[in-house]
């Protein structure tokens, strides 16, 4: 299923620069689907696996990315709350707000 990149909620505090460097020159059309979890309380999807692929796809100008969507288990929400706390954000952190580390 294709989902909007702007709807992706981070469950990690940043993008690993080494991992980013390894995939940034690949065509994002060729990426394996990312794994996301639906959010019943928020508009969007919690990223379970694929932060770097989604980040690169966004940088390549894509507006959507292919994802395997799981039902909400609560795990994604808990991880997103931990990221919010670590980054001292007043709201859940979206993929667009992540930085390289």
N, C-alpha and C. Protein backbone atom coordinates (compact mmCIF):
# COMPACT_ATOMS: atom_id res chain seq x y z
N UNK A 1 0.85 -1.17 0.00
CA UNK A 1 0.00 0.00 0.00
C UNK A 1 0.90 1.24 0.00
N UNK A 2 0.57 2.21 -0.82
CA UNK A 2 1.32 3.47 -0.83
C UNK A 2 0.71 4.43 0.18
N UNK A 3 1.57 5.01 1.02
CA UNK A 3 1.10 5.95 2.04
C UNK A 3 1.91 7.25 1.92
N UNK A 4 1.33 8.37 2.34
CA UNK A 4 2.05 9.64 2.26
C UNK A 4 3.24 9.68 3.22
N UNK A 5 4.37 10.11 2.72
CA UNK A 5 5.57 10.24 3.56
C UNK A 5 5.32 11.25 4.68
N UNK A 6 4.53 12.25 4.40
CA UNK A 6 4.24 13.28 5.41
C UNK A 6 3.44 12.74 6.59
N UNK A 7 2.87 11.53 6.47
CA UNK A 7 2.08 10.96 7.55
C UNK A 7 2.88 10.03 8.46
N UNK A 8 4.19 9.92 8.23
CA UNK A 8 5.02 8.98 8.98
C UNK A 8 5.51 9.57 10.29
N UNK A 9 5.23 8.85 11.38
CA UNK A 9 5.62 9.26 12.72
C UNK A 9 6.83 8.44 13.15
N UNK A 10 7.89 9.12 13.59
CA UNK A 10 9.15 8.48 13.93
C UNK A 10 9.06 7.68 15.24
N UNK A 11 9.73 6.54 15.23
CA UNK A 11 9.87 5.74 16.46
C UNK A 11 11.35 5.56 16.78
N UNK A 12 12.19 6.38 16.16
CA UNK A 12 13.60 6.48 16.53
C UNK A 12 13.97 7.95 16.43
N UNK A 13 15.02 8.35 17.16
CA UNK A 13 15.32 9.77 17.35
C UNK A 13 16.09 10.43 16.22
N UNK A 14 16.53 9.69 15.23
CA UNK A 14 17.27 10.28 14.14
C UNK A 14 17.60 9.24 13.09
N UNK A 15 18.32 9.69 12.08
CA UNK A 15 18.73 8.84 10.96
C UNK A 15 20.23 8.62 11.06
N UNK A 16 20.64 7.36 11.10
CA UNK A 16 22.05 7.02 11.18
C UNK A 16 22.75 7.42 9.89
N UNK A 17 23.78 8.26 10.01
CA UNK A 17 24.45 8.81 8.83
C UNK A 17 25.14 7.73 7.99
N UNK A 18 25.70 6.73 8.62
CA UNK A 18 26.37 5.65 7.88
C UNK A 18 25.35 4.87 7.05
N UNK A 19 24.23 4.53 7.67
CA UNK A 19 23.17 3.82 6.95
C UNK A 19 22.64 4.68 5.81
N UNK A 20 22.43 5.95 6.09
CA UNK A 20 21.96 6.90 5.10
C UNK A 20 22.92 6.95 3.90
N UNK A 21 24.21 7.03 4.17
CA UNK A 21 25.21 7.10 3.10
C UNK A 21 25.19 5.85 2.22
N UNK A 22 24.89 4.70 2.83
CA UNK A 22 24.87 3.45 2.08
C UNK A 22 23.69 3.34 1.12
N UNK A 23 22.59 4.04 1.39
CA UNK A 23 21.43 3.87 0.50
C UNK A 23 20.99 5.14 -0.23
N UNK A 24 21.59 6.28 0.07
CA UNK A 24 21.09 7.53 -0.52
C UNK A 24 21.20 7.60 -2.04
N UNK A 25 22.12 6.86 -2.64
CA UNK A 25 22.26 6.91 -4.09
C UNK A 25 21.45 5.83 -4.80
N UNK A 26 20.71 5.04 -4.05
CA UNK A 26 19.84 4.03 -4.66
C UNK A 26 18.51 4.68 -5.03
N UNK A 27 17.87 4.14 -6.04
CA UNK A 27 16.57 4.64 -6.46
C UNK A 27 15.51 4.18 -5.46
N UNK A 28 14.83 5.12 -4.85
CA UNK A 28 13.85 4.78 -3.83
C UNK A 28 12.69 3.96 -4.39
N UNK A 29 12.50 3.98 -5.70
CA UNK A 29 11.46 3.14 -6.32
C UNK A 29 11.78 1.66 -6.13
N UNK A 30 13.07 1.34 -5.91
CA UNK A 30 13.50 -0.05 -5.78
C UNK A 30 13.54 -0.54 -4.33
N UNK A 31 13.21 0.32 -3.38
CA UNK A 31 13.27 -0.08 -1.97
C UNK A 31 12.22 -1.13 -1.64
N UNK A 32 12.57 -2.01 -0.69
CA UNK A 32 11.57 -2.91 -0.12
C UNK A 32 10.56 -2.05 0.65
N UNK A 33 9.33 -2.52 0.78
CA UNK A 33 8.35 -1.74 1.55
C UNK A 33 8.81 -1.53 2.99
N UNK A 34 8.49 -0.37 3.53
CA UNK A 34 8.77 -0.13 4.95
C UNK A 34 7.66 -0.80 5.76
N UNK A 35 7.89 -0.94 7.06
CA UNK A 35 6.89 -1.52 7.96
C UNK A 35 6.34 -0.40 8.84
N UNK A 36 5.02 -0.28 8.86
CA UNK A 36 4.39 0.76 9.69
C UNK A 36 3.23 0.15 10.48
N UNK A 37 2.85 0.88 11.51
CA UNK A 37 1.71 0.49 12.34
C UNK A 37 0.69 1.61 12.30
N UNK A 38 -0.56 1.26 12.11
CA UNK A 38 -1.62 2.26 12.10
C UNK A 38 -1.70 2.96 13.44
N UNK A 39 -2.17 4.19 13.42
CA UNK A 39 -2.39 4.95 14.65
C UNK A 39 -3.88 5.24 14.75
N UNK A 40 -4.50 4.75 15.79
CA UNK A 40 -5.92 5.02 15.98
C UNK A 40 -6.17 6.39 16.59
N UNK A 41 -5.16 6.94 17.29
CA UNK A 41 -5.34 8.23 17.97
C UNK A 41 -4.80 9.41 17.16
N UNK A 42 -3.79 9.16 16.37
CA UNK A 42 -3.14 10.23 15.60
C UNK A 42 -3.39 9.98 14.12
N UNK A 43 -3.33 11.02 13.35
CA UNK A 43 -3.36 10.84 11.92
C UNK A 43 -1.96 10.47 11.49
N UNK A 44 -1.81 9.33 10.90
CA UNK A 44 -0.50 8.92 10.42
C UNK A 44 -0.20 7.48 10.76
N UNK A 45 1.06 7.13 10.54
CA UNK A 45 1.54 5.76 10.73
C UNK A 45 2.85 5.79 11.50
N UNK A 46 2.98 4.91 12.49
CA UNK A 46 4.22 4.78 13.23
C UNK A 46 5.18 3.91 12.41
N UNK A 47 6.40 4.39 12.19
CA UNK A 47 7.39 3.61 11.44
C UNK A 47 7.96 2.54 12.37
N UNK A 48 7.81 1.30 11.97
CA UNK A 48 8.39 0.18 12.71
C UNK A 48 9.76 -0.16 12.14
N UNK A 49 9.88 -0.16 10.83
CA UNK A 49 11.16 -0.43 10.17
C UNK A 49 11.18 0.33 8.85
N UNK A 50 12.24 1.13 8.64
CA UNK A 50 12.37 1.81 7.36
C UNK A 50 12.54 3.31 7.45
N UNK A 51 12.96 3.82 8.60
CA UNK A 51 13.17 5.26 8.73
C UNK A 51 14.11 5.80 7.66
N UNK A 52 15.23 5.12 7.46
CA UNK A 52 16.24 5.63 6.52
C UNK A 52 15.72 5.58 5.09
N UNK A 53 15.08 4.48 4.70
CA UNK A 53 14.52 4.38 3.34
C UNK A 53 13.48 5.47 3.11
N UNK A 54 12.64 5.72 4.09
CA UNK A 54 11.62 6.76 3.95
C UNK A 54 12.26 8.14 3.86
N UNK A 55 13.30 8.37 4.65
CA UNK A 55 14.01 9.65 4.65
C UNK A 55 14.64 9.91 3.27
N UNK A 56 15.27 8.88 2.71
CA UNK A 56 15.88 9.01 1.39
C UNK A 56 14.80 9.24 0.33
N UNK A 57 13.71 8.51 0.41
CA UNK A 57 12.62 8.69 -0.56
C UNK A 57 12.10 10.13 -0.51
N UNK A 58 11.97 10.68 0.70
CA UNK A 58 11.53 12.08 0.86
C UNK A 58 12.53 13.02 0.21
N UNK A 59 13.82 12.77 0.44
CA UNK A 59 14.85 13.62 -0.17
C UNK A 59 14.86 13.53 -1.69
N UNK A 60 14.46 12.39 -2.22
CA UNK A 60 14.41 12.21 -3.67
C UNK A 60 13.14 12.80 -4.28
N UNK A 61 12.32 13.44 -3.45
CA UNK A 61 11.15 14.13 -3.95
C UNK A 61 9.87 13.30 -3.99
N UNK A 62 9.93 12.09 -3.46
CA UNK A 62 8.72 11.27 -3.45
C UNK A 62 7.75 11.77 -2.39
N UNK A 63 6.48 11.67 -2.68
CA UNK A 63 5.45 12.06 -1.72
C UNK A 63 4.83 10.85 -1.04
N UNK A 64 4.98 9.67 -1.64
CA UNK A 64 4.44 8.45 -1.06
C UNK A 64 5.53 7.39 -1.04
N UNK A 65 5.30 6.36 -0.21
CA UNK A 65 6.22 5.23 -0.13
C UNK A 65 5.39 3.98 0.09
N UNK A 66 5.86 2.87 -0.44
CA UNK A 66 5.16 1.60 -0.27
C UNK A 66 5.43 1.06 1.13
N UNK A 67 4.37 0.63 1.79
CA UNK A 67 4.50 0.15 3.17
C UNK A 67 3.61 -1.06 3.40
N UNK A 68 4.08 -1.92 4.29
CA UNK A 68 3.26 -2.98 4.85
C UNK A 68 2.65 -2.39 6.11
N UNK A 69 1.33 -2.34 6.16
CA UNK A 69 0.64 -1.69 7.26
C UNK A 69 0.09 -2.73 8.23
N UNK A 70 0.48 -2.61 9.49
CA UNK A 70 -0.01 -3.48 10.57
C UNK A 70 -1.08 -2.73 11.35
N UNK A 71 -1.94 -3.47 12.00
CA UNK A 71 -2.90 -2.86 12.90
C UNK A 71 -2.19 -2.32 14.13
N UNK A 72 -2.82 -1.40 14.82
CA UNK A 72 -2.17 -0.79 15.99
C UNK A 72 -2.08 -1.80 17.14
N UNK A 73 -0.87 -1.93 17.67
CA UNK A 73 -0.64 -2.81 18.82
C UNK A 73 -0.32 -1.99 20.07
N UNK A 74 0.01 -0.72 19.87
CA UNK A 74 0.41 0.13 20.97
C UNK A 74 1.92 0.32 21.04
N UNK A 75 2.68 -0.62 20.48
CA UNK A 75 4.14 -0.54 20.53
C UNK A 75 4.65 0.69 19.79
N UNK A 76 4.15 0.94 18.61
CA UNK A 76 4.58 2.12 17.85
C UNK A 76 4.31 3.40 18.59
N UNK A 77 3.16 3.49 19.23
CA UNK A 77 2.81 4.69 19.97
C UNK A 77 3.76 4.90 21.15
N UNK A 78 4.06 3.82 21.88
CA UNK A 78 4.99 3.92 23.01
C UNK A 78 6.37 4.37 22.54
N UNK A 79 6.86 3.79 21.45
CA UNK A 79 8.17 4.18 20.93
C UNK A 79 8.15 5.64 20.47
N UNK A 80 7.07 6.07 19.83
CA UNK A 80 6.96 7.46 19.39
C UNK A 80 6.96 8.42 20.58
N UNK A 81 6.32 8.03 21.68
CA UNK A 81 6.33 8.86 22.89
C UNK A 81 7.73 8.96 23.48
N UNK A 82 8.50 7.87 23.42
CA UNK A 82 9.89 7.91 23.91
C UNK A 82 10.73 8.85 23.06
N UNK A 83 10.55 8.83 21.76
CA UNK A 83 11.27 9.74 20.87
C UNK A 83 10.88 11.18 21.18
N UNK A 84 9.61 11.42 21.37
CA UNK A 84 9.13 12.76 21.71
C UNK A 84 9.83 13.24 22.98
N UNK A 85 9.94 12.37 23.96
CA UNK A 85 10.58 12.72 25.23
C UNK A 85 12.08 12.99 25.05
N UNK A 86 12.77 12.11 24.33
CA UNK A 86 14.21 12.25 24.12
C UNK A 86 14.52 13.56 23.39
N UNK A 87 13.72 13.89 22.39
CA UNK A 87 13.96 15.10 21.60
C UNK A 87 13.30 16.34 22.22
N UNK A 88 12.64 16.13 23.35
CA UNK A 88 11.97 17.22 24.07
C UNK A 88 11.02 18.01 23.18
N UNK A 89 10.25 17.24 22.43
CA UNK A 89 9.27 17.83 21.51
C UNK A 89 7.92 17.94 22.20
N UNK A 90 7.13 18.91 21.81
CA UNK A 90 5.80 19.07 22.39
C UNK A 90 4.77 18.20 21.67
N UNK A 91 5.19 17.59 20.56
CA UNK A 91 4.28 16.73 19.80
C UNK A 91 5.06 15.53 19.28
N UNK A 92 4.34 14.55 18.78
CA UNK A 92 5.01 13.41 18.18
C UNK A 92 5.90 13.88 17.04
N UNK A 93 7.01 13.21 16.85
CA UNK A 93 8.01 13.62 15.86
C UNK A 93 7.72 12.92 14.53
N UNK A 94 7.59 13.70 13.49
CA UNK A 94 7.36 13.13 12.17
C UNK A 94 8.69 12.93 11.45
N UNK A 95 8.68 12.08 10.46
CA UNK A 95 9.88 11.79 9.69
C UNK A 95 10.54 13.08 9.19
N UNK A 96 9.74 14.02 8.76
CA UNK A 96 10.28 15.30 8.23
C UNK A 96 11.12 16.05 9.25
N UNK A 97 10.94 15.75 10.55
CA UNK A 97 11.65 16.47 11.61
C UNK A 97 12.96 15.80 12.02
N UNK A 98 13.23 14.60 11.49
CA UNK A 98 14.44 13.87 11.90
C UNK A 98 15.69 14.47 11.28
N UNK A 99 16.80 14.29 11.97
CA UNK A 99 18.10 14.75 11.50
C UNK A 99 19.08 13.58 11.47
N UNK A 100 20.14 13.74 10.70
CA UNK A 100 21.21 12.73 10.65
C UNK A 100 22.03 12.79 11.94
N UNK A 101 22.51 11.65 12.39
CA UNK A 101 23.41 11.62 13.55
C UNK A 101 24.56 10.68 13.27
